[in-house]
Amino acid sequence: MIATFNSILLIIAIALILVHYFLDKSENNRDIAILKKVTKDQFINDMKATFGTKYDYQQLSDYYDLLKPPTRATKGSAGYDFESPISFELKSGETIKIPTGIRAVIDENWVLKIYSRSSLGFKYRLWLDNLTGIIDSDYSNSDNEGHIFIKVTNNSLEDKIVRINRGDKFAQGIFVQYGTVIDDDVVEERNGGFGSTNK
């Protein structure tokens, strides 16, 4: 009788563990965003606004066609790797702002955080100028299509030169869930692009 009771308790315990495991797995791995390209016109306009006449229309059109949405390197990777749409070189102390050609459509209560890639940080001290980029869920509704810009600086103390080729991975994005305070009553909606919430 006791053995049977203990067996039932063991079965219940195992069942609860399995239920908890699969519920937790489902919550943590649900699809919450889409990473995709902005329109070609948006990309070209932002590239021209950033770099002036450095690139002609055909070059920019070709760069756009070669763009790929960020992906993870392995199934255990948290970060989605952003590839540079152009080749560039930075001497120590130099900075560049990159229109990535990418936008993120994100579920509410999630945010995309942008970081420098670990390897570039270790080798060259290549850092994001804002340390961590924050892409809000409503940024994709902006008048610039939610175009993600990434600004980096070579902070090398050894005068190392950073060389990034077109298609090289130079930053990574990680999706993080966030909460709000109990008495949060914000109803305003975003209409502008980068920096619009400072107005």
N, C-alpha and C. Protein backbone atom coordinates (compact mmCIF):
# COMPACT_ATOMS: atom_id res chain seq x y z
N MET A 1 0.83 -1.20 0.00
CA MET A 1 0.00 0.00 0.00
C MET A 1 0.87 1.26 0.00
N ILE A 2 1.87 1.29 0.90
CA ILE A 2 2.78 2.43 0.98
C ILE A 2 3.58 2.55 -0.30
N ALA A 3 4.02 1.39 -0.83
CA ALA A 3 4.81 1.39 -2.06
C ALA A 3 3.98 1.94 -3.22
N THR A 4 2.72 1.56 -3.28
CA THR A 4 1.83 2.06 -4.34
C THR A 4 1.62 3.56 -4.22
N PHE A 5 1.43 4.03 -2.98
CA PHE A 5 1.24 5.47 -2.72
C PHE A 5 2.48 6.25 -3.14
N ASN A 6 3.66 5.72 -2.78
CA ASN A 6 4.92 6.38 -3.15
C ASN A 6 5.09 6.41 -4.67
N SER A 7 4.67 5.35 -5.34
CA SER A 7 4.78 5.29 -6.80
C SER A 7 3.89 6.35 -7.44
N ILE A 8 2.68 6.51 -6.88
CA ILE A 8 1.76 7.53 -7.40
C ILE A 8 2.34 8.93 -7.21
N LEU A 9 2.92 9.17 -6.02
CA LEU A 9 3.54 10.48 -5.76
C LEU A 9 4.69 10.74 -6.73
N LEU A 10 5.47 9.69 -7.00
CA LEU A 10 6.60 9.82 -7.93
C LEU A 10 6.11 10.16 -9.33
N ILE A 11 5.05 9.49 -9.76
CA ILE A 11 4.49 9.75 -11.09
C ILE A 11 3.97 11.17 -11.19
N ILE A 12 3.27 11.63 -10.13
CA ILE A 12 2.74 13.00 -10.11
C ILE A 12 3.88 14.02 -10.16
N ALA A 13 4.94 13.75 -9.39
CA ALA A 13 6.09 14.66 -9.36
C ALA A 13 6.74 14.75 -10.73
N ILE A 14 6.91 13.60 -11.38
CA ILE A 14 7.52 13.59 -12.71
C ILE A 14 6.64 14.34 -13.71
N ALA A 15 5.32 14.13 -13.61
CA ALA A 15 4.38 14.80 -14.50
C ALA A 15 4.45 16.32 -14.33
N LEU A 16 4.52 16.77 -13.08
CA LEU A 16 4.60 18.21 -12.81
C LEU A 16 5.89 18.80 -13.36
N ILE A 17 6.97 18.06 -13.20
CA ILE A 17 8.26 18.52 -13.72
C ILE A 17 8.20 18.66 -15.25
N LEU A 18 7.62 17.66 -15.90
CA LEU A 18 7.51 17.70 -17.36
C LEU A 18 6.62 18.84 -17.84
N VAL A 19 5.50 19.04 -17.16
CA VAL A 19 4.59 20.14 -17.52
C VAL A 19 5.31 21.48 -17.37
N HIS A 20 5.99 21.66 -16.25
CA HIS A 20 6.74 22.90 -16.00
C HIS A 20 7.81 23.11 -17.07
N TYR A 21 8.50 22.03 -17.42
CA TYR A 21 9.57 22.11 -18.42
C TYR A 21 9.03 22.58 -19.76
N PHE A 22 7.96 21.93 -20.23
CA PHE A 22 7.43 22.26 -21.54
C PHE A 22 6.75 23.62 -21.58
N LEU A 23 6.10 24.02 -20.48
CA LEU A 23 5.52 25.36 -20.42
C LEU A 23 6.60 26.41 -20.46
N ASP A 24 7.66 26.19 -19.70
CA ASP A 24 8.78 27.12 -19.65
C ASP A 24 9.46 27.20 -21.00
N LYS A 25 9.64 26.05 -21.62
CA LYS A 25 10.28 26.00 -22.94
C LYS A 25 9.45 26.76 -23.97
N SER A 26 8.13 26.57 -23.89
CA SER A 26 7.23 27.24 -24.83
C SER A 26 7.27 28.75 -24.65
N GLU A 27 7.26 29.21 -23.38
CA GLU A 27 7.27 30.65 -23.10
C GLU A 27 8.57 31.29 -23.56
N ASN A 28 9.69 30.62 -23.31
CA ASN A 28 10.99 31.21 -23.59
C ASN A 28 11.38 31.15 -25.06
N ASN A 29 10.74 30.29 -25.84
CA ASN A 29 11.15 30.12 -27.21
C ASN A 29 10.09 30.53 -28.22
N ARG A 30 9.06 31.23 -27.77
CA ARG A 30 8.02 31.61 -28.72
C ARG A 30 8.54 32.70 -29.65
N ASP A 31 8.03 32.70 -30.85
CA ASP A 31 8.46 33.69 -31.85
C ASP A 31 7.83 35.04 -31.52
N ILE A 32 8.67 36.06 -31.37
CA ILE A 32 8.16 37.36 -30.94
C ILE A 32 8.55 38.50 -31.88
N ALA A 33 9.25 38.20 -32.96
CA ALA A 33 9.71 39.29 -33.82
C ALA A 33 10.01 38.80 -35.23
N ILE A 34 10.11 39.76 -36.13
CA ILE A 34 10.56 39.50 -37.50
C ILE A 34 11.65 40.52 -37.81
N LEU A 35 12.78 40.05 -38.29
CA LEU A 35 13.86 40.93 -38.75
C LEU A 35 13.84 40.90 -40.27
N LYS A 36 13.68 42.06 -40.88
CA LYS A 36 13.62 42.10 -42.34
C LYS A 36 14.19 43.41 -42.86
N LYS A 37 14.33 43.50 -44.18
CA LYS A 37 14.92 44.69 -44.77
C LYS A 37 13.90 45.83 -44.86
N VAL A 38 14.40 47.05 -44.75
CA VAL A 38 13.57 48.21 -45.08
C VAL A 38 13.43 48.23 -46.60
N THR A 39 12.61 49.11 -47.12
CA THR A 39 12.49 49.20 -48.58
C THR A 39 13.79 49.73 -49.18
N LYS A 40 13.98 49.45 -50.45
CA LYS A 40 15.20 49.92 -51.13
C LYS A 40 15.30 51.44 -51.10
N ASP A 41 14.18 52.12 -51.34
CA ASP A 41 14.19 53.59 -51.33
C ASP A 41 14.64 54.13 -49.97
N GLN A 42 14.13 53.52 -48.89
CA GLN A 42 14.49 53.98 -47.55
C GLN A 42 15.98 53.78 -47.31
N PHE A 43 16.49 52.62 -47.69
CA PHE A 43 17.91 52.32 -47.50
C PHE A 43 18.78 53.31 -48.28
N ILE A 44 18.46 53.51 -49.54
CA ILE A 44 19.26 54.40 -50.38
C ILE A 44 19.20 55.84 -49.86
N ASN A 45 18.02 56.31 -49.50
CA ASN A 45 17.89 57.67 -48.97
C ASN A 45 18.70 57.86 -47.69
N ASP A 46 18.66 56.87 -46.79
CA ASP A 46 19.40 56.99 -45.54
C ASP A 46 20.91 56.87 -45.76
N MET A 47 21.32 56.06 -46.72
CA MET A 47 22.75 55.96 -47.04
C MET A 47 23.26 57.28 -47.62
N LYS A 48 22.46 57.90 -48.49
CA LYS A 48 22.86 59.18 -49.06
C LYS A 48 22.91 60.27 -48.00
N ALA A 49 21.93 60.24 -47.08
CA ALA A 49 21.90 61.23 -46.00
C ALA A 49 23.10 61.06 -45.07
N THR A 50 23.58 59.83 -44.93
CA THR A 50 24.69 59.55 -44.02
C THR A 50 26.05 59.76 -44.68
N PHE A 51 26.20 59.32 -45.93
CA PHE A 51 27.51 59.33 -46.58
C PHE A 51 27.61 60.31 -47.75
N GLY A 52 26.57 61.07 -48.01
CA GLY A 52 26.62 62.04 -49.09
C GLY A 52 26.76 61.36 -50.45
N THR A 53 27.74 61.82 -51.23
CA THR A 53 27.93 61.30 -52.59
C THR A 53 29.00 60.21 -52.67
N LYS A 54 29.36 59.63 -51.55
CA LYS A 54 30.42 58.61 -51.55
C LYS A 54 30.04 57.40 -52.40
N TYR A 55 28.76 57.05 -52.41
CA TYR A 55 28.30 55.89 -53.19
C TYR A 55 27.26 56.35 -54.20
N ASP A 56 27.34 55.82 -55.43
CA ASP A 56 26.32 56.19 -56.41
C ASP A 56 25.11 55.27 -56.28
N TYR A 57 24.08 55.59 -57.04
CA TYR A 57 22.81 54.87 -56.90
C TYR A 57 22.97 53.38 -57.18
N GLN A 58 23.72 53.04 -58.23
CA GLN A 58 23.87 51.63 -58.59
C GLN A 58 24.59 50.85 -57.50
N GLN A 59 25.62 51.46 -56.91
CA GLN A 59 26.32 50.80 -55.80
C GLN A 59 25.37 50.52 -54.64
N LEU A 60 24.60 51.53 -54.29
CA LEU A 60 23.67 51.38 -53.16
C LEU A 60 22.59 50.36 -53.48
N SER A 61 22.14 50.34 -54.71
CA SER A 61 21.14 49.36 -55.12
C SER A 61 21.70 47.94 -55.00
N ASP A 62 22.95 47.77 -55.43
CA ASP A 62 23.60 46.46 -55.33
C ASP A 62 23.79 46.05 -53.88
N TYR A 63 24.22 47.01 -53.03
CA TYR A 63 24.41 46.71 -51.61
C TYR A 63 23.09 46.25 -50.99
N TYR A 64 22.01 46.92 -51.38
CA TYR A 64 20.70 46.56 -50.84
C TYR A 64 20.32 45.13 -51.24
N ASP A 65 20.54 44.81 -52.50
CA ASP A 65 20.17 43.48 -52.99
C ASP A 65 20.95 42.38 -52.28
N LEU A 66 22.15 42.70 -51.81
CA LEU A 66 22.99 41.71 -51.14
C LEU A 66 22.70 41.61 -49.64
N LEU A 67 21.90 42.54 -49.13
CA LEU A 67 21.59 42.55 -47.69
C LEU A 67 20.86 41.28 -47.27
N LYS A 68 21.20 40.80 -46.07
CA LYS A 68 20.50 39.65 -45.49
C LYS A 68 20.05 40.00 -44.08
N PRO A 69 18.84 39.61 -43.69
CA PRO A 69 18.40 39.85 -42.30
C PRO A 69 19.32 39.14 -41.32
N PRO A 70 19.49 39.69 -40.13
CA PRO A 70 20.35 39.07 -39.11
C PRO A 70 19.90 37.65 -38.77
N THR A 71 20.87 36.78 -38.53
CA THR A 71 20.60 35.40 -38.13
C THR A 71 21.48 35.03 -36.96
N ARG A 72 21.14 33.92 -36.30
CA ARG A 72 21.97 33.39 -35.22
C ARG A 72 22.99 32.42 -35.80
N ALA A 73 24.16 32.34 -35.17
CA ALA A 73 25.22 31.45 -35.65
C ALA A 73 24.91 30.00 -35.32
N THR A 74 24.34 29.74 -34.14
CA THR A 74 24.01 28.38 -33.71
C THR A 74 22.66 28.40 -33.00
N LYS A 75 22.09 27.21 -32.78
CA LYS A 75 20.78 27.15 -32.12
C LYS A 75 20.86 27.58 -30.66
N GLY A 76 22.06 27.62 -30.10
CA GLY A 76 22.22 28.08 -28.72
C GLY A 76 22.61 29.54 -28.61
N SER A 77 22.74 30.22 -29.74
CA SER A 77 23.14 31.63 -29.72
C SER A 77 21.97 32.52 -29.34
N ALA A 78 22.23 33.49 -28.47
CA ALA A 78 21.19 34.46 -28.10
C ALA A 78 21.14 35.61 -29.09
N GLY A 79 22.29 35.95 -29.68
CA GLY A 79 22.38 37.12 -30.52
C GLY A 79 22.15 36.86 -32.00
N TYR A 80 21.46 37.81 -32.64
CA TYR A 80 21.27 37.81 -34.08
C TYR A 80 22.33 38.74 -34.68
N ASP A 81 23.18 38.20 -35.53
CA ASP A 81 24.33 38.94 -36.05
C ASP A 81 23.95 39.88 -37.19
N PHE A 82 24.30 41.16 -37.02
CA PHE A 82 24.09 42.16 -38.06
C PHE A 82 25.33 42.23 -38.95
N GLU A 83 25.11 42.14 -40.26
CA GLU A 83 26.20 42.25 -41.21
C GLU A 83 26.30 43.69 -41.72
N SER A 84 27.52 44.13 -41.96
CA SER A 84 27.69 45.48 -42.49
C SER A 84 27.33 45.50 -43.98
N PRO A 85 26.53 46.48 -44.40
CA PRO A 85 26.16 46.57 -45.82
C PRO A 85 27.28 47.14 -46.68
N ILE A 86 28.32 47.69 -46.03
CA ILE A 86 29.44 48.30 -46.76
C ILE A 86 30.75 47.88 -46.11
N SER A 87 31.85 48.07 -46.84
CA SER A 87 33.18 47.87 -46.27
C SER A 87 33.64 49.20 -45.68
N PHE A 88 34.32 49.14 -44.54
CA PHE A 88 34.85 50.37 -43.96
C PHE A 88 36.08 50.08 -43.12
N GLU A 89 36.82 51.13 -42.85
CA GLU A 89 38.05 51.04 -42.06
C GLU A 89 38.04 52.15 -41.03
N LEU A 90 38.39 51.81 -39.80
CA LEU A 90 38.43 52.81 -38.72
C LEU A 90 39.79 52.79 -38.04
N LYS A 91 40.43 53.95 -38.03
CA LYS A 91 41.64 54.09 -37.23
C LYS A 91 41.24 54.37 -35.79
N SER A 92 42.19 54.27 -34.89
CA SER A 92 41.89 54.51 -33.48
C SER A 92 41.28 55.90 -33.29
N GLY A 93 40.13 55.94 -32.62
CA GLY A 93 39.45 57.21 -32.37
C GLY A 93 38.42 57.58 -33.42
N GLU A 94 38.36 56.84 -34.52
CA GLU A 94 37.41 57.16 -35.58
C GLU A 94 36.06 56.48 -35.36
N THR A 95 35.02 57.13 -35.89
CA THR A 95 33.64 56.67 -35.69
C THR A 95 32.92 56.56 -37.03
N ILE A 96 31.98 55.64 -37.11
CA ILE A 96 31.15 55.53 -38.30
C ILE A 96 29.73 55.17 -37.91
N LYS A 97 28.76 55.75 -38.61
CA LYS A 97 27.34 55.42 -38.40
C LYS A 97 26.86 54.62 -39.60
N ILE A 98 26.32 53.45 -39.34
CA ILE A 98 25.92 52.53 -40.40
C ILE A 98 24.40 52.38 -40.47
N PRO A 99 23.78 52.77 -41.58
CA PRO A 99 22.38 52.39 -41.80
C PRO A 99 22.38 50.91 -42.19
N THR A 100 21.86 50.05 -41.35
CA THR A 100 21.99 48.60 -41.57
C THR A 100 21.08 48.06 -42.66
N GLY A 101 20.03 48.82 -43.01
CA GLY A 101 19.07 48.31 -43.98
C GLY A 101 18.05 47.36 -43.37
N ILE A 102 18.09 47.24 -42.04
CA ILE A 102 17.26 46.27 -41.33
C ILE A 102 16.25 46.96 -40.42
N ARG A 103 15.06 46.38 -40.31
CA ARG A 103 14.05 46.83 -39.35
C ARG A 103 13.57 45.62 -38.57
N ALA A 104 13.05 45.87 -37.36
CA ALA A 104 12.55 44.79 -36.51
C ALA A 104 11.09 45.05 -36.15
N VAL A 105 10.23 44.10 -36.49
CA VAL A 105 8.82 44.16 -36.09
C VAL A 105 8.69 43.27 -34.86
N ILE A 106 8.42 43.89 -33.70
CA ILE A 106 8.52 43.19 -32.42
C ILE A 106 7.19 43.21 -31.68
N ASP A 107 6.88 42.12 -31.00
CA ASP A 107 5.69 42.07 -30.15
C ASP A 107 5.79 43.08 -29.02
N GLU A 108 4.65 43.52 -28.50
CA GLU A 108 4.63 44.42 -27.34
C GLU A 108 5.31 43.75 -26.15
N ASN A 109 5.92 44.59 -25.30
CA ASN A 109 6.62 44.14 -24.10
C ASN A 109 7.90 43.37 -24.39
N TRP A 110 8.42 43.54 -25.60
CA TRP A 110 9.73 43.01 -25.94
C TRP A 110 10.56 44.14 -26.54
N VAL A 111 11.87 44.04 -26.40
CA VAL A 111 12.77 45.05 -26.93
C VAL A 111 13.96 44.34 -27.57
N LEU A 112 14.52 44.94 -28.60
CA LEU A 112 15.73 44.42 -29.23
C LEU A 112 16.90 45.25 -28.75
N LYS A 113 17.86 44.61 -28.08
CA LYS A 113 19.05 45.31 -27.60
C LYS A 113 20.21 45.02 -28.55
N ILE A 114 20.90 46.07 -28.96
CA ILE A 114 22.02 45.94 -29.89
C ILE A 114 23.34 46.10 -29.13
N TYR A 115 24.24 45.16 -29.35
CA TYR A 115 25.56 45.18 -28.71
C TYR A 115 26.65 45.03 -29.77
N SER A 116 27.87 45.42 -29.41
CA SER A 116 29.00 45.13 -30.29
C SER A 116 29.30 43.63 -30.19
N ARG A 117 29.92 43.08 -31.21
CA ARG A 117 30.29 41.66 -31.17
C ARG A 117 31.48 41.49 -30.23
N SER A 118 31.46 40.43 -29.46
CA SER A 118 32.49 40.20 -28.45
C SER A 118 33.89 40.20 -29.05
N SER A 119 34.05 39.53 -30.20
CA SER A 119 35.38 39.41 -30.80
C SER A 119 35.95 40.77 -31.18
N LEU A 120 35.12 41.65 -31.72
CA LEU A 120 35.60 42.98 -32.11
C LEU A 120 35.89 43.84 -30.89
N GLY A 121 35.11 43.64 -29.83
CA GLY A 121 35.36 44.38 -28.59
C GLY A 121 36.68 43.98 -27.96
N PHE A 122 36.95 42.68 -27.94
CA PHE A 122 38.19 42.19 -27.35
C PHE A 122 39.41 42.59 -28.18
N LYS A 123 39.33 42.45 -29.49
CA LYS A 123 40.49 42.70 -30.35
C LYS A 123 40.78 44.19 -30.54
N TYR A 124 39.73 44.98 -30.72
CA TYR A 124 39.92 46.37 -31.11
C TYR A 124 39.26 47.39 -30.19
N ARG A 125 38.53 46.93 -29.17
CA ARG A 125 37.74 47.85 -28.35
C ARG A 125 36.76 48.63 -29.25
N LEU A 126 36.16 47.90 -30.20
CA LEU A 126 35.15 48.51 -31.06
C LEU A 126 33.83 48.50 -30.31
N TRP A 127 33.34 49.68 -29.96
CA TRP A 127 32.15 49.81 -29.11
C TRP A 127 31.05 50.58 -29.83
N LEU A 128 29.82 50.28 -29.45
CA LEU A 128 28.70 51.12 -29.88
C LEU A 128 28.80 52.44 -29.13
N ASP A 129 28.52 53.54 -29.82
CA ASP A 129 28.62 54.85 -29.18
C ASP A 129 27.60 55.03 -28.06
N ASN A 130 26.46 54.37 -28.15
CA ASN A 130 25.48 54.44 -27.07
C ASN A 130 25.55 53.20 -26.17
N LEU A 131 26.65 52.45 -26.29
CA LEU A 131 26.95 51.25 -25.49
C LEU A 131 25.95 50.12 -25.75
N THR A 132 24.67 50.40 -25.59
CA THR A 132 23.64 49.41 -25.92
C THR A 132 22.52 50.10 -26.69
N GLY A 133 22.27 49.63 -27.90
CA GLY A 133 21.18 50.19 -28.68
C GLY A 133 19.85 49.61 -28.24
N ILE A 134 18.84 50.45 -28.13
CA ILE A 134 17.51 50.00 -27.71
C ILE A 134 16.53 50.21 -28.87
N ILE A 135 15.99 49.10 -29.38
CA ILE A 135 15.01 49.16 -30.46
C ILE A 135 13.65 48.80 -29.87
N ASP A 136 12.80 49.79 -29.68
CA ASP A 136 11.48 49.57 -29.08
C ASP A 136 10.53 48.87 -30.05
N SER A 137 9.49 48.28 -29.49
CA SER A 137 8.54 47.55 -30.32
C SER A 137 7.77 48.45 -31.28
N ASP A 138 7.63 49.74 -30.95
CA ASP A 138 6.89 50.64 -31.84
C ASP A 138 7.79 51.41 -32.80
N TYR A 139 9.09 51.15 -32.75
CA TYR A 139 10.02 51.86 -33.65
C TYR A 139 9.75 51.50 -35.11
N SER A 140 9.24 50.29 -35.35
CA SER A 140 8.98 49.87 -36.73
C SER A 140 7.87 50.69 -37.38
N ASN A 141 7.10 51.42 -36.55
CA ASN A 141 6.02 52.26 -37.08
C ASN A 141 6.49 53.67 -37.43
N SER A 142 7.77 53.93 -37.25
CA SER A 142 8.31 55.27 -37.47
C SER A 142 8.28 55.65 -38.95
N ASP A 143 8.43 56.96 -39.20
CA ASP A 143 8.39 57.43 -40.58
C ASP A 143 9.61 57.01 -41.38
N ASN A 144 10.63 56.44 -40.72
CA ASN A 144 11.79 55.91 -41.44
C ASN A 144 11.75 54.39 -41.53
N GLU A 145 10.54 53.83 -41.34
CA GLU A 145 10.29 52.39 -41.40
C GLU A 145 10.96 51.61 -40.26
N GLY A 146 11.44 52.34 -39.25
CA GLY A 146 12.13 51.65 -38.16
C GLY A 146 13.53 51.22 -38.55
N HIS A 147 14.13 51.93 -39.51
CA HIS A 147 15.47 51.61 -40.00
C HIS A 147 16.48 51.65 -38.84
N ILE A 148 17.18 50.55 -38.63
CA ILE A 148 18.13 50.46 -37.52
C ILE A 148 19.49 50.99 -37.95
N PHE A 149 19.98 51.99 -37.22
CA PHE A 149 21.32 52.54 -37.43
C PHE A 149 22.22 52.05 -36.29
N ILE A 150 23.45 51.76 -36.61
CA ILE A 150 24.42 51.35 -35.59
C ILE A 150 25.66 52.21 -35.73
N LYS A 151 26.02 52.91 -34.66
CA LYS A 151 27.18 53.79 -34.67
C LYS A 151 28.27 53.21 -33.78
N VAL A 152 29.46 53.01 -34.35
CA VAL A 152 30.55 52.39 -33.60
C VAL A 152 31.81 53.25 -33.67
N THR A 153 32.66 53.10 -32.64
CA THR A 153 33.93 53.81 -32.57
C THR A 153 35.05 52.83 -32.26
N ASN A 154 36.19 53.02 -32.92
CA ASN A 154 37.38 52.25 -32.62
C ASN A 154 38.08 52.91 -31.43
N ASN A 155 37.97 52.27 -30.27
CA ASN A 155 38.57 52.82 -29.04
C ASN A 155 39.90 52.16 -28.70
N SER A 156 40.58 51.64 -29.70
CA SER A 156 41.84 50.94 -29.48
C SER A 156 42.87 51.85 -28.81
N LEU A 157 43.56 51.31 -27.81
CA LEU A 157 44.63 52.04 -27.13
C LEU A 157 45.98 51.71 -27.74
N GLU A 158 45.98 50.84 -28.74
CA GLU A 158 47.22 50.38 -29.37
C GLU A 158 47.29 50.78 -30.84
N ASP A 159 46.49 51.76 -31.21
CA ASP A 159 46.45 52.25 -32.60
C ASP A 159 46.14 51.15 -33.61
N LYS A 160 45.32 50.19 -33.22
CA LYS A 160 44.91 49.14 -34.15
C LYS A 160 43.86 49.69 -35.12
N ILE A 161 43.93 49.21 -36.35
CA ILE A 161 42.96 49.62 -37.37
C ILE A 161 41.92 48.51 -37.54
N VAL A 162 40.65 48.90 -37.47
CA VAL A 162 39.56 47.95 -37.67
C VAL A 162 39.18 47.95 -39.15
N ARG A 163 39.18 46.78 -39.74
CA ARG A 163 38.77 46.64 -41.14
C ARG A 163 37.58 45.69 -41.22
N ILE A 164 36.47 46.22 -41.68
CA ILE A 164 35.24 45.44 -41.83
C ILE A 164 34.87 45.39 -43.30
N ASN A 165 34.72 44.20 -43.82
CA ASN A 165 34.29 44.04 -45.21
C ASN A 165 32.77 43.96 -45.30
N ARG A 166 32.24 44.29 -46.47
CA ARG A 166 30.80 44.17 -46.66
C ARG A 166 30.40 42.73 -46.40
N GLY A 167 29.38 42.55 -45.57
CA GLY A 167 28.93 41.21 -45.22
C GLY A 167 29.53 40.67 -43.93
N ASP A 168 30.54 41.38 -43.38
CA ASP A 168 31.11 40.95 -42.09
C ASP A 168 30.13 41.26 -40.96
N LYS A 169 30.11 40.40 -39.97
CA LYS A 169 29.26 40.61 -38.80
C LYS A 169 29.95 41.61 -37.88
N PHE A 170 29.26 42.69 -37.51
CA PHE A 170 29.90 43.71 -36.70
C PHE A 170 29.10 44.11 -35.46
N ALA A 171 27.89 43.59 -35.32
CA ALA A 171 27.08 43.87 -34.13
C ALA A 171 26.10 42.71 -33.96
N GLN A 172 25.48 42.65 -32.79
CA GLN A 172 24.50 41.59 -32.55
C GLN A 172 23.31 42.14 -31.77
N GLY A 173 22.14 41.57 -32.05
CA GLY A 173 20.92 41.99 -31.37
C GLY A 173 20.32 40.86 -30.56
N ILE A 174 19.86 41.18 -29.36
CA ILE A 174 19.25 40.18 -28.48
C ILE A 174 17.87 40.67 -28.05
N PHE A 175 16.87 39.82 -28.19
CA PHE A 175 15.51 40.16 -27.79
C PHE A 175 15.32 39.89 -26.29
N VAL A 176 14.77 40.89 -25.60
CA VAL A 176 14.58 40.80 -24.16
C VAL A 176 13.16 41.24 -23.81
N GLN A 177 12.51 40.51 -22.92
CA GLN A 177 11.18 40.89 -22.46
C GLN A 177 11.30 41.91 -21.34
N TYR A 178 10.35 42.84 -21.25
CA TYR A 178 10.40 43.85 -20.19
C TYR A 178 9.00 44.04 -19.60
N GLY A 179 8.96 44.64 -18.42
CA GLY A 179 7.68 44.93 -17.76
C GLY A 179 7.49 46.42 -17.59
N THR A 180 6.32 46.81 -17.12
CA THR A 180 6.02 48.22 -16.84
C THR A 180 5.49 48.34 -15.42
N VAL A 181 5.52 49.56 -14.88
CA VAL A 181 5.05 49.78 -13.52
C VAL A 181 3.53 49.72 -13.47
N ILE A 182 2.99 49.46 -12.29
CA ILE A 182 1.55 49.26 -12.11
C ILE A 182 0.72 50.45 -12.57
N ASP A 183 1.20 51.68 -12.27
CA ASP A 183 0.40 52.86 -12.60
C ASP A 183 0.82 53.50 -13.92
N ASP A 184 1.45 52.74 -14.80
CA ASP A 184 1.85 53.26 -16.11
C ASP A 184 0.61 53.54 -16.95
N ASP A 185 0.46 54.79 -17.40
CA ASP A 185 -0.73 55.15 -18.19
C ASP A 185 -0.36 55.83 -19.50
N VAL A 186 0.83 55.53 -20.03
CA VAL A 186 1.27 56.14 -21.28
C VAL A 186 0.40 55.67 -22.44
N VAL A 187 -0.11 56.62 -23.21
CA VAL A 187 -0.94 56.28 -24.37
C VAL A 187 -0.38 56.88 -25.66
N GLU A 188 0.66 57.71 -25.53
CA GLU A 188 1.24 58.36 -26.71
C GLU A 188 1.87 57.32 -27.63
N GLU A 189 1.73 57.55 -28.94
CA GLU A 189 2.29 56.64 -29.92
C GLU A 189 3.42 57.33 -30.68
N ARG A 190 4.42 56.54 -31.07
CA ARG A 190 5.57 57.07 -31.80
C ARG A 190 5.16 57.44 -33.22
N ASN A 191 5.74 58.56 -33.70
CA ASN A 191 5.50 58.96 -35.08
C ASN A 191 6.81 59.24 -35.80
N GLY A 192 7.82 59.67 -35.05
CA GLY A 192 9.09 60.00 -35.66
C GLY A 192 10.06 58.84 -35.61
N GLY A 193 11.26 59.08 -36.12
CA GLY A 193 12.29 58.05 -36.13
C GLY A 193 13.20 58.15 -34.94
N PHE A 194 14.50 57.94 -35.16
CA PHE A 194 15.48 57.92 -34.09
C PHE A 194 15.48 59.23 -33.32
N GLY A 195 15.41 59.15 -31.99
CA GLY A 195 15.46 60.34 -31.15
C GLY A 195 14.14 61.07 -31.02
N SER A 196 13.09 60.56 -31.65
CA SER A 196 11.81 61.28 -31.64
C SER A 196 11.17 61.35 -30.27
N THR A 197 11.48 60.40 -29.38
CA THR A 197 10.86 60.41 -28.06
C THR A 197 11.51 61.42 -27.13
N ASN A 198 12.58 62.11 -27.59
CA ASN A 198 13.21 63.16 -26.78
C ASN A 198 12.53 64.50 -26.98
N LYS A 199 11.65 64.57 -27.96
CA LYS A 199 11.03 65.87 -28.29
C LYS A 199 10.00 66.26 -27.25
